[in-house]
Amino acid sequence: MDEKGYAHSKIIRFRNGLTLRLVSLTVEGKRRDHVIGIMDMPDIYIHYIYQKRWSIEIFFRTMKSYLKLDHIKEDLMA
């Protein structure tokens, strides 16, 4: 990361055998934590993926609101 932020991750192993990764990033003074199962991807890529995903979620929420849709029925998707 650049001088505006930093990233680091920590592997967490649970007693039941589950292994997850905590990715912590600080970007422009805002901390972001992601718990993921991906072990072989650089921390900053995780941030970019979640950033893009969040943009898509916001888009769909806005469209549903604009179109006054409470839900999308499965038969419309097929």
PDB file of N, CA and C in Angstrom:
ATOM      1  N   MET A   1       0.842  -1.178   0.000  1.00  0.00           N
ATOM      2  CA  MET A   1       0.000   0.000   0.000  1.00  0.00           C
ATOM      3  C   MET A   1       0.887   1.240   0.000  1.00  0.00           C
ATOM      4  N   ASP A   2       0.290   2.375  -0.259  1.00  0.00           N
ATOM      5  CA  ASP A   2       1.044   3.614  -0.297  1.00  0.00           C
ATOM      6  C   ASP A   2       1.070   4.270   1.082  1.00  0.00           C
ATOM      7  N   GLU A   3       1.539   5.516   1.133  1.00  0.00           N
ATOM      8  CA  GLU A   3       1.671   6.226   2.406  1.00  0.00           C
ATOM      9  C   GLU A   3       0.328   6.572   3.033  1.00  0.00           C
ATOM     10  N   LYS A   4      -0.775   6.453   2.295  1.00  0.00           N
ATOM     11  CA  LYS A   4      -2.093   6.787   2.835  1.00  0.00           C
ATOM     12  C   LYS A   4      -2.719   5.631   3.607  1.00  0.00           C
ATOM     13  N   GLY A   5      -2.140   4.445   3.520  1.00  0.00           N
ATOM     14  CA  GLY A   5      -2.762   3.315   4.183  1.00  0.00           C
ATOM     15  C   GLY A   5      -1.812   2.158   4.378  1.00  0.00           C
ATOM     16  N   TYR A   6      -2.301   1.156   5.102  1.00  0.00           N
ATOM     17  CA  TYR A   6      -1.511  -0.047   5.304  1.00  0.00           C
ATOM     18  C   TYR A   6      -2.452  -1.247   5.326  1.00  0.00           C
ATOM     19  N   ALA A   7      -1.881  -2.414   5.154  1.00  0.00           N
ATOM     20  CA  ALA A   7      -2.656  -3.649   5.167  1.00  0.00           C
ATOM     21  C   ALA A   7      -1.847  -4.742   5.842  1.00  0.00           C
ATOM     22  N   HIS A   8      -2.538  -5.604   6.551  1.00  0.00           N
ATOM     23  CA  HIS A   8      -1.903  -6.788   7.108  1.00  0.00           C
ATOM     24  C   HIS A   8      -2.974  -7.854   7.321  1.00  0.00           C
ATOM     25  N   SER A   9      -2.538  -9.084   7.461  1.00  0.00           N
ATOM     26  CA  SER A   9      -3.493 -10.161   7.679  1.00  0.00           C
ATOM     27  C   SER A   9      -2.970 -11.113   8.742  1.00  0.00           C
ATOM     28  N   LYS A  10      -3.901 -11.870   9.284  1.00  0.00           N
ATOM     29  CA  LYS A  10      -3.598 -12.818  10.347  1.00  0.00           C
ATOM     30  C   LYS A  10      -4.426 -14.074  10.096  1.00  0.00           C
ATOM     31  N   ILE A  11      -3.784 -15.225  10.203  1.00  0.00           N
ATOM     32  CA  ILE A  11      -4.474 -16.504  10.050  1.00  0.00           C
ATOM     33  C   ILE A  11      -5.070 -16.887  11.403  1.00  0.00           C
ATOM     34  N   ILE A  12      -6.343 -17.282  11.377  1.00  0.00           N
ATOM     35  CA  ILE A  12      -7.039 -17.677  12.601  1.00  0.00           C
ATOM     36  C   ILE A  12      -7.471 -19.130  12.447  1.00  0.00           C
ATOM     37  N   ARG A  13      -7.030 -19.975  13.358  1.00  0.00           N
ATOM     38  CA  ARG A  13      -7.403 -21.393  13.344  1.00  0.00           C
ATOM     39  C   ARG A  13      -8.290 -21.678  14.548  1.00  0.00           C
ATOM     40  N   PHE A  14      -9.455 -22.219  14.285  1.00  0.00           N
ATOM     41  CA  PHE A  14     -10.405 -22.540  15.333  1.00  0.00           C
ATOM     42  C   PHE A  14     -10.241 -23.993  15.770  1.00  0.00           C
ATOM     43  N   ARG A  15     -10.716 -24.299  16.949  1.00  0.00           N
ATOM     44  CA  ARG A  15     -10.593 -25.666  17.487  1.00  0.00           C
ATOM     45  C   ARG A  15     -11.303 -26.705  16.638  1.00  0.00           C
ATOM     46  N   ASN A  16     -12.374 -26.283  15.937  1.00  0.00           N
ATOM     47  CA  ASN A  16     -13.127 -27.232  15.114  1.00  0.00           C
ATOM     48  C   ASN A  16     -12.460 -27.505  13.760  1.00  0.00           C
ATOM     49  N   GLY A  17     -11.277 -26.921  13.526  1.00  0.00           N
ATOM     50  CA  GLY A  17     -10.540 -27.154  12.295  1.00  0.00           C
ATOM     51  C   GLY A  17     -10.717 -26.074  11.233  1.00  0.00           C
ATOM     52  N   LEU A  18     -11.635 -25.159  11.449  1.00  0.00           N
ATOM     53  CA  LEU A  18     -11.858 -24.074  10.502  1.00  0.00           C
ATOM     54  C   LEU A  18     -10.696 -23.089  10.537  1.00  0.00           C
ATOM     55  N   THR A  19     -10.198 -22.735   9.368  1.00  0.00           N
ATOM     56  CA  THR A  19      -9.112 -21.764   9.246  1.00  0.00           C
ATOM     57  C   THR A  19      -9.594 -20.604   8.400  1.00  0.00           C
ATOM     58  N   LEU A  20      -9.509 -19.404   8.948  1.00  0.00           N
ATOM     59  CA  LEU A  20      -9.909 -18.196   8.241  1.00  0.00           C
ATOM     60  C   LEU A  20      -8.780 -17.179   8.309  1.00  0.00           C
ATOM     61  N   ARG A  21      -8.916 -16.155   7.523  1.00  0.00           N
ATOM     62  CA  ARG A  21      -7.908 -15.099   7.474  1.00  0.00           C
ATOM     63  C   ARG A  21      -8.584 -13.759   7.754  1.00  0.00           C
ATOM     64  N   LEU A  22      -8.030 -13.026   8.679  1.00  0.00           N
ATOM     65  CA  LEU A  22      -8.497 -11.676   8.976  1.00  0.00           C
ATOM     66  C   LEU A  22      -7.590 -10.702   8.245  1.00  0.00           C
ATOM     67  N   VAL A  23      -8.158  -9.959   7.308  1.00  0.00           N
ATOM     68  CA  VAL A  23      -7.408  -8.955   6.552  1.00  0.00           C
ATOM     69  C   VAL A  23      -7.838  -7.597   7.079  1.00  0.00           C
ATOM     70  N   SER A  24      -6.887  -6.846   7.618  1.00  0.00           N
ATOM     71  CA  SER A  24      -7.158  -5.505   8.144  1.00  0.00           C
ATOM     72  C   SER A  24      -6.449  -4.487   7.276  1.00  0.00           C
ATOM     73  N   LEU A  25      -7.189  -3.480   6.859  1.00  0.00           N
ATOM     74  CA  LEU A  25      -6.635  -2.431   6.009  1.00  0.00           C
ATOM     75  C   LEU A  25      -7.049  -1.079   6.560  1.00  0.00           C
ATOM     76  N   THR A  26      -6.153  -0.134   6.476  1.00  0.00           N
ATOM     77  CA  THR A  26      -6.494   1.252   6.769  1.00  0.00           C
ATOM     78  C   THR A  26      -6.224   2.039   5.496  1.00  0.00           C
ATOM     79  N   VAL A  27      -7.280   2.621   4.967  1.00  0.00           N
ATOM     80  CA  VAL A  27      -7.184   3.375   3.725  1.00  0.00           C
ATOM     81  C   VAL A  27      -7.758   4.759   3.979  1.00  0.00           C
ATOM     82  N   GLU A  28      -6.927   5.771   3.790  1.00  0.00           N
ATOM     83  CA  GLU A  28      -7.318   7.163   3.999  1.00  0.00           C
ATOM     84  C   GLU A  28      -7.970   7.359   5.362  1.00  0.00           C
ATOM     85  N   GLY A  29      -7.388   6.734   6.374  1.00  0.00           N
ATOM     86  CA  GLY A  29      -7.833   6.912   7.745  1.00  0.00           C
ATOM     87  C   GLY A  29      -9.005   6.045   8.171  1.00  0.00           C
ATOM     88  N   LYS A  30      -9.540   5.222   7.285  1.00  0.00           N
ATOM     89  CA  LYS A  30     -10.672   4.355   7.612  1.00  0.00           C
ATOM     90  C   LYS A  30     -10.212   2.907   7.665  1.00  0.00           C
ATOM     91  N   ARG A  31     -10.549   2.237   8.760  1.00  0.00           N
ATOM     92  CA  ARG A  31     -10.152   0.836   8.913  1.00  0.00           C
ATOM     93  C   ARG A  31     -11.212  -0.081   8.324  1.00  0.00           C
ATOM     94  N   ARG A  32     -10.754  -1.078   7.608  1.00  0.00           N
ATOM     95  CA  ARG A  32     -11.615  -2.093   7.009  1.00  0.00           C
ATOM     96  C   ARG A  32     -11.096  -3.455   7.438  1.00  0.00           C
ATOM     97  N   ASP A  33     -11.980  -4.297   7.955  1.00  0.00           N
ATOM     98  CA  ASP A  33     -11.631  -5.662   8.344  1.00  0.00           C
ATOM     99  C   ASP A  33     -12.478  -6.627   7.521  1.00  0.00           C
ATOM    100  N   HIS A  34     -11.843  -7.645   6.973  1.00  0.00           N
ATOM    101  CA  HIS A  34     -12.533  -8.667   6.190  1.00  0.00           C
ATOM    102  C   HIS A  34     -12.106 -10.033   6.715  1.00  0.00           C
ATOM    103  N   VAL A  35     -13.063 -10.905   6.994  1.00  0.00           N
ATOM    104  CA  VAL A  35     -12.780 -12.278   7.388  1.00  0.00           C
ATOM    105  C   VAL A  35     -13.096 -13.138   6.173  1.00  0.00           C
ATOM    106  N   ILE A  36     -12.088 -13.838   5.678  1.00  0.00           N
ATOM    107  CA  ILE A  36     -12.223 -14.578   4.430  1.00  0.00           C
ATOM    108  C   ILE A  36     -11.591 -15.960   4.546  1.00  0.00           C
ATOM    109  N   GLY A  37     -11.897 -16.792   3.586  1.00  0.00           N
ATOM    110  CA  GLY A  37     -11.305 -18.116   3.522  1.00  0.00           C
ATOM    111  C   GLY A  37     -10.203 -18.222   2.485  1.00  0.00           C
ATOM    112  N   ILE A  38      -9.893 -17.125   1.813  1.00  0.00           N
ATOM    113  CA  ILE A  38      -8.862 -17.105   0.771  1.00  0.00           C
ATOM    114  C   ILE A  38      -7.507 -16.869   1.422  1.00  0.00           C
ATOM    115  N   MET A  39      -6.588 -17.785   1.220  1.00  0.00           N
ATOM    116  CA  MET A  39      -5.289 -17.686   1.894  1.00  0.00           C
ATOM    117  C   MET A  39      -4.165 -17.189   0.986  1.00  0.00           C
ATOM    118  N   ASP A  40      -4.356 -17.268  -0.321  1.00  0.00           N
ATOM    119  CA  ASP A  40      -3.242 -17.019  -1.237  1.00  0.00           C
ATOM    120  C   ASP A  40      -3.403 -15.759  -2.093  1.00  0.00           C
ATOM    121  N   MET A  41      -4.132 -14.770  -1.597  1.00  0.00           N
ATOM    122  CA  MET A  41      -4.328 -13.534  -2.347  1.00  0.00           C
ATOM    123  C   MET A  41      -3.769 -12.365  -1.537  1.00  0.00           C
ATOM    124  N   PRO A  42      -3.055 -11.451  -2.167  1.00  0.00           N
ATOM    125  CA  PRO A  42      -2.513 -10.304  -1.433  1.00  0.00           C
ATOM    126  C   PRO A  42      -3.608  -9.475  -0.765  1.00  0.00           C
ATOM    127  N   ASP A  43      -3.272  -8.900   0.384  1.00  0.00           N
ATOM    128  CA  ASP A  43      -4.230  -8.129   1.175  1.00  0.00           C
ATOM    129  C   ASP A  43      -4.924  -7.037   0.375  1.00  0.00           C
ATOM    130  N   ILE A  44      -4.181  -6.315  -0.413  1.00  0.00           N
ATOM    131  CA  ILE A  44      -4.756  -5.190  -1.148  1.00  0.00           C
ATOM    132  C   ILE A  44      -5.763  -5.666  -2.189  1.00  0.00           C
ATOM    133  N   TYR A  45      -5.575  -6.851  -2.768  1.00  0.00           N
ATOM    134  CA  TYR A  45      -6.551  -7.388  -3.716  1.00  0.00           C
ATOM    135  C   TYR A  45      -7.885  -7.649  -3.029  1.00  0.00           C
ATOM    136  N   ILE A  46      -7.812  -8.136  -1.797  1.00  0.00           N
ATOM    137  CA  ILE A  46      -9.036  -8.372  -1.024  1.00  0.00           C
ATOM    138  C   ILE A  46      -9.811  -7.067  -0.889  1.00  0.00           C
ATOM    139  N   HIS A  47      -9.106  -6.005  -0.572  1.00  0.00           N
ATOM    140  CA  HIS A  47      -9.753  -4.690  -0.434  1.00  0.00           C
ATOM    141  C   HIS A  47     -10.416  -4.290  -1.752  1.00  0.00           C
ATOM    142  N   TYR A  48      -9.729  -4.418  -2.857  1.00  0.00           N
ATOM    143  CA  TYR A  48     -10.289  -4.017  -4.149  1.00  0.00           C
ATOM    144  C   TYR A  48     -11.518  -4.850  -4.516  1.00  0.00           C
ATOM    145  N   ILE A  49     -11.466  -6.151  -4.248  1.00  0.00           N
ATOM    146  CA  ILE A  49     -12.604  -7.024  -4.545  1.00  0.00           C
ATOM    147  C   ILE A  49     -13.819  -6.605  -3.730  1.00  0.00           C
ATOM    148  N   TYR A  50     -13.642  -6.399  -2.427  1.00  0.00           N
ATOM    149  CA  TYR A  50     -14.769  -5.986  -1.596  1.00  0.00           C
ATOM    150  C   TYR A  50     -15.263  -4.592  -1.958  1.00  0.00           C
ATOM    151  N   GLN A  51     -14.371  -3.712  -2.356  1.00  0.00           N
ATOM    152  CA  GLN A  51     -14.758  -2.366  -2.769  1.00  0.00           C
ATOM    153  C   GLN A  51     -15.654  -2.439  -4.017  1.00  0.00           C
ATOM    154  N   LYS A  52     -15.260  -3.245  -4.982  1.00  0.00           N
ATOM    155  CA  LYS A  52     -16.069  -3.409  -6.194  1.00  0.00           C
ATOM    156  C   LYS A  52     -17.397  -4.081  -5.875  1.00  0.00           C
ATOM    157  N   ARG A  53     -17.362  -5.097  -5.026  1.00  0.00           N
ATOM    158  CA  ARG A  53     -18.593  -5.795  -4.659  1.00  0.00           C
ATOM    159  C   ARG A  53     -19.565  -4.835  -3.996  1.00  0.00           C
ATOM    160  N   TRP A  54     -19.055  -3.979  -3.122  1.00  0.00           N
ATOM    161  CA  TRP A  54     -19.927  -3.032  -2.437  1.00  0.00           C
ATOM    162  C   TRP A  54     -20.561  -2.072  -3.446  1.00  0.00           C
ATOM    163  N   SER A  55     -19.823  -1.642  -4.445  1.00  0.00           N
ATOM    164  CA  SER A  55     -20.376  -0.761  -5.481  1.00  0.00           C
ATOM    165  C   SER A  55     -21.520  -1.452  -6.219  1.00  0.00           C
ATOM    166  N   ILE A  56     -21.369  -2.729  -6.498  1.00  0.00           N
ATOM    167  CA  ILE A  56     -22.422  -3.489  -7.175  1.00  0.00           C
ATOM    168  C   ILE A  56     -23.644  -3.608  -6.281  1.00  0.00           C
ATOM    169  N   GLU A  57     -23.440  -3.892  -4.994  1.00  0.00           N
ATOM    170  CA  GLU A  57     -24.563  -3.985  -4.050  1.00  0.00           C
ATOM    171  C   GLU A  57     -25.333  -2.667  -3.982  1.00  0.00           C
ATOM    172  N   ILE A  58     -24.630  -1.564  -3.931  1.00  0.00           N
ATOM    173  CA  ILE A  58     -25.271  -0.245  -3.888  1.00  0.00           C
ATOM    174  C   ILE A  58     -26.072  -0.003  -5.162  1.00  0.00           C
ATOM    175  N   PHE A  59     -25.508  -0.377  -6.309  1.00  0.00           N
ATOM    176  CA  PHE A  59     -26.209  -0.221  -7.577  1.00  0.00           C
ATOM    177  C   PHE A  59     -27.535  -0.985  -7.564  1.00  0.00           C
ATOM    178  N   PHE A  60     -27.503  -2.267  -7.166  1.00  0.00           N
ATOM    179  CA  PHE A  60     -28.728  -3.063  -7.164  1.00  0.00           C
ATOM    180  C   PHE A  60     -29.746  -2.529  -6.159  1.00  0.00           C
ATOM    181  N   ARG A  61     -29.291  -2.099  -5.003  1.00  0.00           N
ATOM    182  CA  ARG A  61     -30.203  -1.531  -4.011  1.00  0.00           C
ATOM    183  C   ARG A  61     -30.864  -0.267  -4.564  1.00  0.00           C
ATOM    184  N   THR A  62     -30.096   0.573  -5.237  1.00  0.00           N
ATOM    185  CA  THR A  62     -30.639   1.798  -5.831  1.00  0.00           C
ATOM    186  C   THR A  62     -31.651   1.475  -6.918  1.00  0.00           C
ATOM    187  N   MET A  63     -31.332   0.511  -7.777  1.00  0.00           N
ATOM    188  CA  MET A  63     -32.249   0.140  -8.857  1.00  0.00           C
ATOM    189  C   MET A  63     -33.546  -0.443  -8.304  1.00  0.00           C
ATOM    190  N   LYS A  64     -33.447  -1.313  -7.291  1.00  0.00           N
ATOM    191  CA  LYS A  64     -34.645  -1.870  -6.683  1.00  0.00           C
ATOM    192  C   LYS A  64     -35.515  -0.771  -6.090  1.00  0.00           C
ATOM    193  N   SER A  65     -34.902   0.202  -5.456  1.00  0.00           N
ATOM    194  CA  SER A  65     -35.638   1.314  -4.878  1.00  0.00           C
ATOM    195  C   SER A  65     -36.277   2.165  -5.973  1.00  0.00           C
ATOM    196  N   TYR A  66     -35.518   2.467  -7.006  1.00  0.00           N
ATOM    197  CA  TYR A  66     -35.996   3.288  -8.118  1.00  0.00           C
ATOM    198  C   TYR A  66     -37.160   2.620  -8.835  1.00  0.00           C
ATOM    199  N   LEU A  67     -37.053   1.303  -9.038  1.00  0.00           N
ATOM    200  CA  LEU A  67     -38.097   0.554  -9.733  1.00  0.00           C
ATOM    201  C   LEU A  67     -39.205   0.088  -8.796  1.00  0.00           C
ATOM    202  N   LYS A  68     -39.077   0.397  -7.509  1.00  0.00           N
ATOM    203  CA  LYS A  68     -40.059   0.023  -6.488  1.00  0.00           C
ATOM    204  C   LYS A  68     -40.284  -1.496  -6.440  1.00  0.00           C
ATOM    205  N   LEU A  69     -39.173  -2.235  -6.416  1.00  0.00           N
ATOM    206  CA  LEU A  69     -39.219  -3.690  -6.310  1.00  0.00           C
ATOM    207  C   LEU A  69     -38.872  -4.097  -4.885  1.00  0.00           C
ATOM    208  N   ASP A  70     -39.753  -4.865  -4.271  1.00  0.00           N
ATOM    209  CA  ASP A  70     -39.437  -5.383  -2.946  1.00  0.00           C
ATOM    210  C   ASP A  70     -38.542  -6.610  -3.044  1.00  0.00           C
ATOM    211  N   HIS A  71     -38.753  -7.382  -4.082  1.00  0.00           N
ATOM    212  CA  HIS A  71     -37.933  -8.562  -4.326  1.00  0.00           C
ATOM    213  C   HIS A  71     -38.061  -8.951  -5.794  1.00  0.00           C
ATOM    214  N   ILE A  72     -37.122  -9.713  -6.251  1.00  0.00           N
ATOM    215  CA  ILE A  72     -37.159 -10.219  -7.622  1.00  0.00           C
ATOM    216  C   ILE A  72     -37.557 -11.684  -7.544  1.00  0.00           C
ATOM    217  N   LYS A  73     -38.627 -12.042  -8.208  1.00  0.00           N
ATOM    218  CA  LYS A  73     -39.125 -13.423  -8.167  1.00  0.00           C
ATOM    219  C   LYS A  73     -38.237 -14.323  -9.004  1.00  0.00           C
ATOM    220  N   GLU A  74     -38.113 -15.570  -8.559  1.00  0.00           N
ATOM    221  CA  GLU A  74     -37.280 -16.541  -9.254  1.00  0.00           C
ATOM    222  C   GLU A  74     -37.764 -16.793 -10.678  1.00  0.00           C
ATOM    223  N   ASP A  75     -39.094 -16.789 -10.892  1.00  0.00           N
ATOM    224  CA  ASP A  75     -39.588 -17.072 -12.236  1.00  0.00           C
ATOM    225  C   ASP A  75     -39.232 -15.967 -13.224  1.00  0.00           C
ATOM    226  N   LEU A  76     -38.980 -14.762 -12.736  1.00  0.00           N
ATOM    227  CA  LEU A  76     -38.533 -13.697 -13.627  1.00  0.00           C
ATOM    228  C   LEU A  76     -37.077 -13.876 -14.001  1.00  0.00           C
ATOM    229  N   MET A  77     -36.301 -14.534 -13.160  1.00  0.00           N
ATOM    230  CA  MET A  77     -34.883 -14.726 -13.397  1.00  0.00           C
ATOM    231  C   MET A  77     -34.620 -15.866 -14.379  1.00  0.00           C
ATOM    232  N   ALA A  78     -35.555 -16.789 -14.526  1.00  0.00           N
ATOM    233  CA  ALA A  78     -35.347 -17.970 -15.383  1.00  0.00           C
ATOM    234  C   ALA A  78     -35.598 -17.680 -16.839  1.00  0.00           C
TER     235      ALA A  78
END
